[in-house]
N, C-alpha and C. Protein backbone atom coordinates (compact mmCIF):
# COMPACT_ATOMS: atom_id res chain seq x y z
N UNK A 1 119.70 70.96 93.29
CA UNK A 1 120.57 69.81 93.43
C UNK A 1 122.04 70.26 93.38
N UNK A 2 122.85 69.68 94.23
CA UNK A 2 124.25 70.07 94.36
C UNK A 2 125.00 69.87 93.05
N UNK A 3 125.97 70.77 92.81
CA UNK A 3 126.80 70.69 91.61
C UNK A 3 127.82 69.57 91.69
N UNK A 4 128.18 69.17 92.90
CA UNK A 4 129.19 68.12 93.08
C UNK A 4 128.60 66.96 93.87
N UNK A 5 129.13 65.80 93.63
CA UNK A 5 128.74 64.62 94.40
C UNK A 5 129.56 64.62 95.70
N UNK A 6 128.90 64.40 96.80
CA UNK A 6 129.57 64.36 98.09
C UNK A 6 130.27 63.02 98.25
N UNK A 7 131.55 63.06 98.61
CA UNK A 7 132.31 61.85 98.91
C UNK A 7 132.47 61.79 100.43
N UNK A 8 131.58 61.11 101.09
CA UNK A 8 131.52 61.08 102.54
C UNK A 8 131.83 59.68 103.04
N UNK A 9 132.95 59.51 103.69
CA UNK A 9 133.36 58.22 104.24
C UNK A 9 133.17 58.18 105.76
N UNK A 10 132.27 59.02 106.28
CA UNK A 10 132.00 59.09 107.71
C UNK A 10 130.54 58.70 107.96
N UNK A 11 130.16 58.72 109.21
CA UNK A 11 128.75 58.47 109.54
C UNK A 11 127.96 59.78 109.63
N UNK A 12 128.58 60.92 109.28
CA UNK A 12 127.89 62.21 109.30
C UNK A 12 126.88 62.29 108.16
N UNK A 13 125.72 62.85 108.46
CA UNK A 13 124.70 63.06 107.44
C UNK A 13 124.76 64.52 106.98
N UNK A 14 124.90 64.71 105.69
CA UNK A 14 125.01 66.04 105.11
C UNK A 14 123.71 66.44 104.42
N UNK A 15 123.43 67.74 104.45
CA UNK A 15 122.26 68.31 103.81
C UNK A 15 122.71 69.10 102.59
N UNK A 16 121.98 68.95 101.50
CA UNK A 16 122.24 69.71 100.28
C UNK A 16 121.83 71.16 100.52
N UNK A 17 122.80 72.08 100.48
CA UNK A 17 122.50 73.51 100.65
C UNK A 17 122.87 74.29 99.38
N UNK A 18 122.84 73.61 98.24
CA UNK A 18 123.24 74.24 96.99
C UNK A 18 122.25 75.32 96.53
N UNK A 19 121.14 75.48 97.22
CA UNK A 19 120.22 76.57 96.92
C UNK A 19 120.76 77.91 97.43
N UNK A 20 121.82 77.87 98.22
CA UNK A 20 122.43 79.10 98.74
C UNK A 20 123.45 79.64 97.74
N UNK A 21 123.42 80.94 97.51
CA UNK A 21 124.44 81.59 96.68
C UNK A 21 125.74 81.72 97.48
N UNK A 22 125.60 82.06 98.75
CA UNK A 22 126.75 82.16 99.66
C UNK A 22 126.25 82.07 101.09
N UNK A 23 127.16 81.75 101.99
CA UNK A 23 126.89 81.83 103.43
C UNK A 23 128.09 82.49 104.06
N UNK A 24 127.83 83.24 105.10
CA UNK A 24 128.87 84.03 105.73
C UNK A 24 128.80 83.83 107.23
N UNK A 25 129.94 83.49 107.80
CA UNK A 25 130.07 83.34 109.25
C UNK A 25 130.82 84.55 109.78
N UNK A 26 130.24 85.25 110.73
CA UNK A 26 130.93 86.32 111.45
C UNK A 26 131.44 85.66 112.73
N UNK A 27 132.74 85.67 112.90
CA UNK A 27 133.36 84.96 114.02
C UNK A 27 133.50 85.87 115.24
N UNK A 28 133.68 85.27 116.38
CA UNK A 28 133.74 86.01 117.64
C UNK A 28 134.91 87.00 117.68
N UNK A 29 135.96 86.76 116.87
CA UNK A 29 137.09 87.70 116.84
C UNK A 29 136.87 88.82 115.83
N UNK A 30 135.68 88.85 115.20
CA UNK A 30 135.35 89.92 114.26
C UNK A 30 135.65 89.61 112.80
N UNK A 31 136.34 88.52 112.53
CA UNK A 31 136.63 88.18 111.15
C UNK A 31 135.39 87.60 110.48
N UNK A 32 135.43 87.62 109.16
CA UNK A 32 134.31 87.15 108.36
C UNK A 32 134.80 86.03 107.45
N UNK A 33 134.08 84.93 107.44
CA UNK A 33 134.37 83.82 106.54
C UNK A 33 133.20 83.69 105.59
N UNK A 34 133.41 84.00 104.31
CA UNK A 34 132.35 83.86 103.31
C UNK A 34 132.63 82.63 102.47
N UNK A 35 131.63 81.80 102.32
CA UNK A 35 131.72 80.59 101.51
C UNK A 35 130.80 80.79 100.31
N UNK A 36 131.39 80.87 99.14
CA UNK A 36 130.64 81.06 97.91
C UNK A 36 130.18 79.72 97.37
N UNK A 37 128.91 79.67 96.95
CA UNK A 37 128.32 78.48 96.35
C UNK A 37 128.49 77.23 97.22
N UNK A 38 128.04 77.30 98.48
CA UNK A 38 128.14 76.11 99.34
C UNK A 38 127.23 75.00 98.80
N UNK A 39 127.66 73.77 99.01
CA UNK A 39 126.94 72.63 98.45
C UNK A 39 126.37 71.70 99.52
N UNK A 40 127.16 71.41 100.54
CA UNK A 40 126.79 70.41 101.55
C UNK A 40 127.08 70.93 102.94
N UNK A 41 126.22 70.58 103.91
CA UNK A 41 126.37 71.03 105.30
C UNK A 41 126.06 69.90 106.26
N UNK A 42 126.92 69.76 107.26
CA UNK A 42 126.64 68.89 108.40
C UNK A 42 126.86 69.74 109.64
N UNK A 43 125.90 69.73 110.54
CA UNK A 43 126.04 70.44 111.81
C UNK A 43 126.19 69.40 112.91
N UNK A 44 127.36 69.42 113.55
CA UNK A 44 127.64 68.48 114.64
C UNK A 44 127.56 69.20 115.97
N UNK A 45 127.81 68.48 117.04
CA UNK A 45 127.85 69.10 118.36
C UNK A 45 128.99 70.11 118.47
N UNK A 46 130.03 69.95 117.64
CA UNK A 46 131.19 70.84 117.74
C UNK A 46 131.20 71.98 116.73
N UNK A 47 130.46 71.86 115.61
CA UNK A 47 130.48 72.94 114.63
C UNK A 47 129.86 72.56 113.30
N UNK A 48 130.09 73.43 112.31
CA UNK A 48 129.55 73.26 110.97
C UNK A 48 130.63 72.73 110.03
N UNK A 49 130.32 71.71 109.28
CA UNK A 49 131.16 71.21 108.21
C UNK A 49 130.50 71.62 106.90
N UNK A 50 131.23 72.33 106.04
CA UNK A 50 130.66 72.82 104.79
C UNK A 50 131.60 72.44 103.65
N UNK A 51 131.01 71.99 102.54
CA UNK A 51 131.77 71.71 101.31
C UNK A 51 131.26 72.68 100.24
N UNK A 52 132.18 73.35 99.54
CA UNK A 52 131.76 74.28 98.49
C UNK A 52 131.87 73.63 97.11
N UNK A 53 131.53 74.39 96.09
CA UNK A 53 131.43 73.84 94.73
C UNK A 53 132.76 73.51 94.08
N UNK A 54 133.87 73.92 94.68
CA UNK A 54 135.18 73.53 94.15
C UNK A 54 135.90 72.60 95.11
N UNK A 55 135.10 71.89 95.91
CA UNK A 55 135.58 70.85 96.81
C UNK A 55 136.43 71.34 97.98
N UNK A 56 136.33 72.64 98.29
CA UNK A 56 136.97 73.11 99.52
C UNK A 56 136.08 72.68 100.68
N UNK A 57 136.71 72.26 101.76
CA UNK A 57 136.00 71.80 102.96
C UNK A 57 136.34 72.75 104.10
N UNK A 58 135.30 73.17 104.82
CA UNK A 58 135.45 74.11 105.93
C UNK A 58 134.91 73.45 107.19
N UNK A 59 135.56 73.75 108.31
CA UNK A 59 135.00 73.41 109.62
C UNK A 59 134.97 74.69 110.42
N UNK A 60 133.79 75.06 110.91
CA UNK A 60 133.62 76.27 111.70
C UNK A 60 133.10 75.86 113.07
N UNK A 61 133.95 75.93 114.10
CA UNK A 61 133.52 75.52 115.44
C UNK A 61 132.41 76.42 115.98
N UNK A 62 131.44 75.81 116.66
CA UNK A 62 130.35 76.59 117.26
C UNK A 62 130.89 77.71 118.14
N UNK A 63 131.93 77.43 118.91
CA UNK A 63 132.47 78.42 119.85
C UNK A 63 133.00 79.67 119.16
N UNK A 64 133.33 79.56 117.86
CA UNK A 64 133.89 80.72 117.16
C UNK A 64 132.83 81.50 116.37
N UNK A 65 131.59 81.00 116.30
CA UNK A 65 130.55 81.66 115.51
C UNK A 65 129.82 82.70 116.37
N UNK A 66 129.90 83.95 115.95
CA UNK A 66 129.12 85.00 116.60
C UNK A 66 127.72 85.05 115.97
N UNK A 67 127.69 85.09 114.64
CA UNK A 67 126.44 85.06 113.90
C UNK A 67 126.73 84.58 112.48
N UNK A 68 125.68 84.34 111.73
CA UNK A 68 125.87 83.95 110.34
C UNK A 68 124.70 84.45 109.51
N UNK A 69 124.92 84.53 108.20
CA UNK A 69 123.88 84.92 107.28
C UNK A 69 124.11 84.20 105.97
N UNK A 70 123.06 84.15 105.13
CA UNK A 70 123.19 83.52 103.82
C UNK A 70 122.21 84.15 102.86
N UNK A 71 122.49 83.95 101.58
CA UNK A 71 121.57 84.42 100.55
C UNK A 71 121.22 83.23 99.68
N UNK A 72 119.93 83.03 99.46
CA UNK A 72 119.50 81.93 98.60
C UNK A 72 119.50 82.39 97.15
N UNK A 73 119.64 81.44 96.26
CA UNK A 73 119.57 81.72 94.83
C UNK A 73 118.14 82.07 94.46
N UNK A 74 117.97 82.82 93.41
CA UNK A 74 116.66 83.27 92.95
C UNK A 74 115.70 82.09 92.78
N UNK A 75 114.51 82.25 93.35
CA UNK A 75 113.47 81.23 93.21
C UNK A 75 113.52 80.09 94.21
N UNK A 76 114.55 80.06 95.06
CA UNK A 76 114.67 78.99 96.06
C UNK A 76 114.11 79.47 97.40
N UNK A 77 113.60 78.54 98.21
CA UNK A 77 113.04 78.93 99.51
C UNK A 77 114.15 79.42 100.45
N UNK A 78 113.78 80.32 101.32
CA UNK A 78 114.74 80.82 102.32
C UNK A 78 115.04 79.77 103.38
N UNK A 79 114.06 78.92 103.68
CA UNK A 79 114.24 77.85 104.66
C UNK A 79 113.63 76.59 104.08
N UNK A 80 114.20 75.45 104.42
CA UNK A 80 113.66 74.17 103.97
C UNK A 80 114.15 73.77 102.61
N UNK A 81 113.50 72.79 102.06
CA UNK A 81 113.97 72.22 100.79
C UNK A 81 113.43 72.94 99.62
């Protein structure tokens, strides 16, 4: 269960991803964006919206994502709930 309550005033549906220790986006320009302790995720037609445990909000456009990886917390499933 997420550490923070999501304050969502949009029609976007977010998924609890608090089972992840971190997620990392490798961007097409070679830079790396690591998000520690991500909590919530919405994937839209344009990109990923992520909220972390200290209420930072990220938007990563699909066009800028080369690849991504994540690590789940101990005892949590790699995929699914």
